[in-house]
């Protein structure tokens, strides 16, 4: 499940809080809302309830998905920058790029094995 799918399972106010807290607005050039503006939008006097929610398992799961997405984007940028330097002939970048590619293949291989194992879980059951 990705972040936006998971956000659909959260109340609209919590979704608004999370999106604003982590600057996930669809309009990139829109300024981040102040706490006062957010209180008006959420129709609350303070954000204390939402600050407490930040310690809940639900919020931590959303945060984990957000950080995974952010990491994937960072990894893509790092890979592209390393690839450009490697194509220019930088030896360290060439070695790093080959290592990154090796790690990606290993990761994909491990994930494919796990998916295959899970898909056969019911095939072995006798009815």
Protein backbone atom coordinates (compact mmCIF):
# COMPACT_ATOMS: atom_id res chain seq x y z
CA UNK A 1 0.00 0.00 0.00
CA UNK A 2 1.38 3.41 -0.87
CA UNK A 3 1.12 6.59 1.17
CA UNK A 4 -1.87 8.09 -0.65
CA UNK A 5 -3.82 4.82 -0.43
CA UNK A 6 -3.14 4.70 3.31
CA UNK A 7 -4.17 8.35 3.73
CA UNK A 8 -7.59 7.42 2.34
CA UNK A 9 -8.15 5.28 5.45
CA UNK A 10 -7.53 8.21 7.81
CA UNK A 11 -10.12 10.78 8.89
CA UNK A 12 -10.20 13.90 6.68
CA UNK A 13 -8.88 16.14 9.46
CA UNK A 14 -5.96 13.85 10.24
CA UNK A 15 -5.24 13.56 6.54
CA UNK A 16 -5.18 17.35 6.22
CA UNK A 17 -2.88 17.61 9.24
CA UNK A 18 -0.46 14.98 7.91
CA UNK A 19 -0.36 16.47 4.41
CA UNK A 20 0.34 19.93 5.81
CA UNK A 21 2.82 18.70 8.42
CA UNK A 22 4.94 16.99 5.77
CA UNK A 23 4.39 19.54 3.01
CA UNK A 24 2.63 17.13 0.65
CA UNK A 25 0.32 19.68 -0.98
CA UNK A 26 -0.38 19.10 -4.63
CA UNK A 27 0.26 22.76 -5.40
CA UNK A 28 4.03 22.90 -4.98
CA UNK A 29 4.24 26.68 -4.94
CA UNK A 30 1.60 27.05 -2.21
CA UNK A 31 3.15 28.22 1.06
CA UNK A 32 2.99 25.90 4.05
CA UNK A 33 0.16 26.86 6.39
CA UNK A 34 0.91 28.26 9.81
CA UNK A 35 -0.40 26.54 12.93
CA UNK A 36 -3.09 29.20 13.24
CA UNK A 37 -4.25 28.69 9.65
CA UNK A 38 -4.26 24.94 10.15
CA UNK A 39 -6.34 25.31 13.33
CA UNK A 40 -8.91 27.31 11.36
CA UNK A 41 -9.01 24.70 8.59
CA UNK A 42 -9.37 21.84 11.08
CA UNK A 43 -11.85 23.83 13.17
CA UNK A 44 -9.92 23.35 16.41
CA UNK A 45 -8.44 25.72 18.98
CA UNK A 46 -5.08 23.96 19.27
CA UNK A 47 -3.21 21.21 17.48
CA UNK A 48 -2.53 19.28 20.70
CA UNK A 49 -4.78 16.38 19.68
CA UNK A 50 -2.86 16.01 16.43
CA UNK A 51 0.50 16.35 18.16
CA UNK A 52 -0.56 13.47 20.44
CA UNK A 53 -1.68 11.53 17.35
CA UNK A 54 1.91 11.78 16.06
CA UNK A 55 2.86 9.15 18.67
CA UNK A 56 0.19 6.68 17.56
CA UNK A 57 0.87 3.54 15.51
CA UNK A 58 -1.37 4.87 12.74
CA UNK A 59 0.66 8.06 12.38
CA UNK A 60 3.96 6.18 12.59
CA UNK A 61 2.83 3.86 9.80
CA UNK A 62 1.99 6.89 7.64
CA UNK A 63 5.32 8.45 8.50
CA UNK A 64 7.13 5.25 7.55
CA UNK A 65 5.41 5.19 4.15
CA UNK A 66 6.25 8.87 3.66
CA UNK A 67 9.92 8.30 4.47
CA UNK A 68 10.07 5.26 2.16
CA UNK A 69 8.71 7.39 -0.68
CA UNK A 70 11.14 10.17 0.09
CA UNK A 71 14.04 7.69 0.24
CA UNK A 72 13.07 6.22 -3.14
CA UNK A 73 13.06 9.71 -4.66
CA UNK A 74 16.45 10.50 -3.11
CA UNK A 75 17.85 7.19 -4.33
CA UNK A 76 16.66 7.98 -7.85
CA UNK A 77 18.43 11.37 -7.77
CA UNK A 78 21.62 9.82 -6.36
CA UNK A 79 21.56 7.10 -9.00
CA UNK A 80 21.12 9.66 -11.81
CA UNK A 81 23.93 11.90 -10.49
CA UNK A 82 26.26 8.91 -10.08
CA UNK A 83 25.38 7.66 -13.55
CA UNK A 84 26.21 11.04 -15.10
CA UNK A 85 29.61 11.14 -13.38
CA UNK A 86 30.29 7.52 -14.35
CA UNK A 87 29.54 8.29 -18.00
CA UNK A 88 32.07 11.14 -17.79
CA UNK A 89 34.70 8.56 -16.77
CA UNK A 90 34.95 9.11 -13.01
CA UNK A 91 36.33 5.82 -11.67
CA UNK A 92 34.80 6.11 -8.19
CA UNK A 93 31.40 6.79 -9.73
CA UNK A 94 31.74 3.82 -12.07
CA UNK A 95 32.49 1.51 -9.13
CA UNK A 96 29.68 3.02 -7.07
CA UNK A 97 27.22 2.71 -9.95
CA UNK A 98 28.10 -0.95 -10.46
CA UNK A 99 27.70 -1.56 -6.72
CA UNK A 100 24.31 0.20 -6.68
CA UNK A 101 23.14 -1.88 -9.64
CA UNK A 102 24.31 -5.06 -7.90
CA UNK A 103 22.43 -4.10 -4.72
CA UNK A 104 19.27 -3.33 -6.71
CA UNK A 105 19.41 -6.71 -8.47
CA UNK A 106 19.93 -8.47 -5.13
CA UNK A 107 17.04 -6.55 -3.55
CA UNK A 108 14.73 -7.37 -6.48
CA UNK A 109 15.74 -11.02 -6.41
CA UNK A 110 15.00 -11.28 -2.66
CA UNK A 111 11.63 -9.57 -3.08
CA UNK A 112 10.65 -11.84 -5.97
CA UNK A 113 11.47 -14.91 -3.88
CA UNK A 114 9.35 -13.61 -0.98
CA UNK A 115 6.41 -12.87 -3.30
CA UNK A 116 6.68 -16.32 -4.86
CA UNK A 117 6.76 -17.98 -1.44
CA UNK A 118 3.65 -16.08 -0.31
CA UNK A 119 1.70 -16.81 -3.49
CA UNK A 120 2.16 -20.57 -3.01
CA UNK A 121 1.06 -20.51 0.64
CA UNK A 122 -2.45 -21.75 -0.17
CA UNK A 123 -1.42 -24.07 -3.00
CA UNK A 124 -0.09 -26.65 -0.54
CA UNK A 125 -3.29 -26.84 1.52
CA UNK A 126 -5.44 -29.91 1.07
CA UNK A 127 -9.18 -29.44 0.90
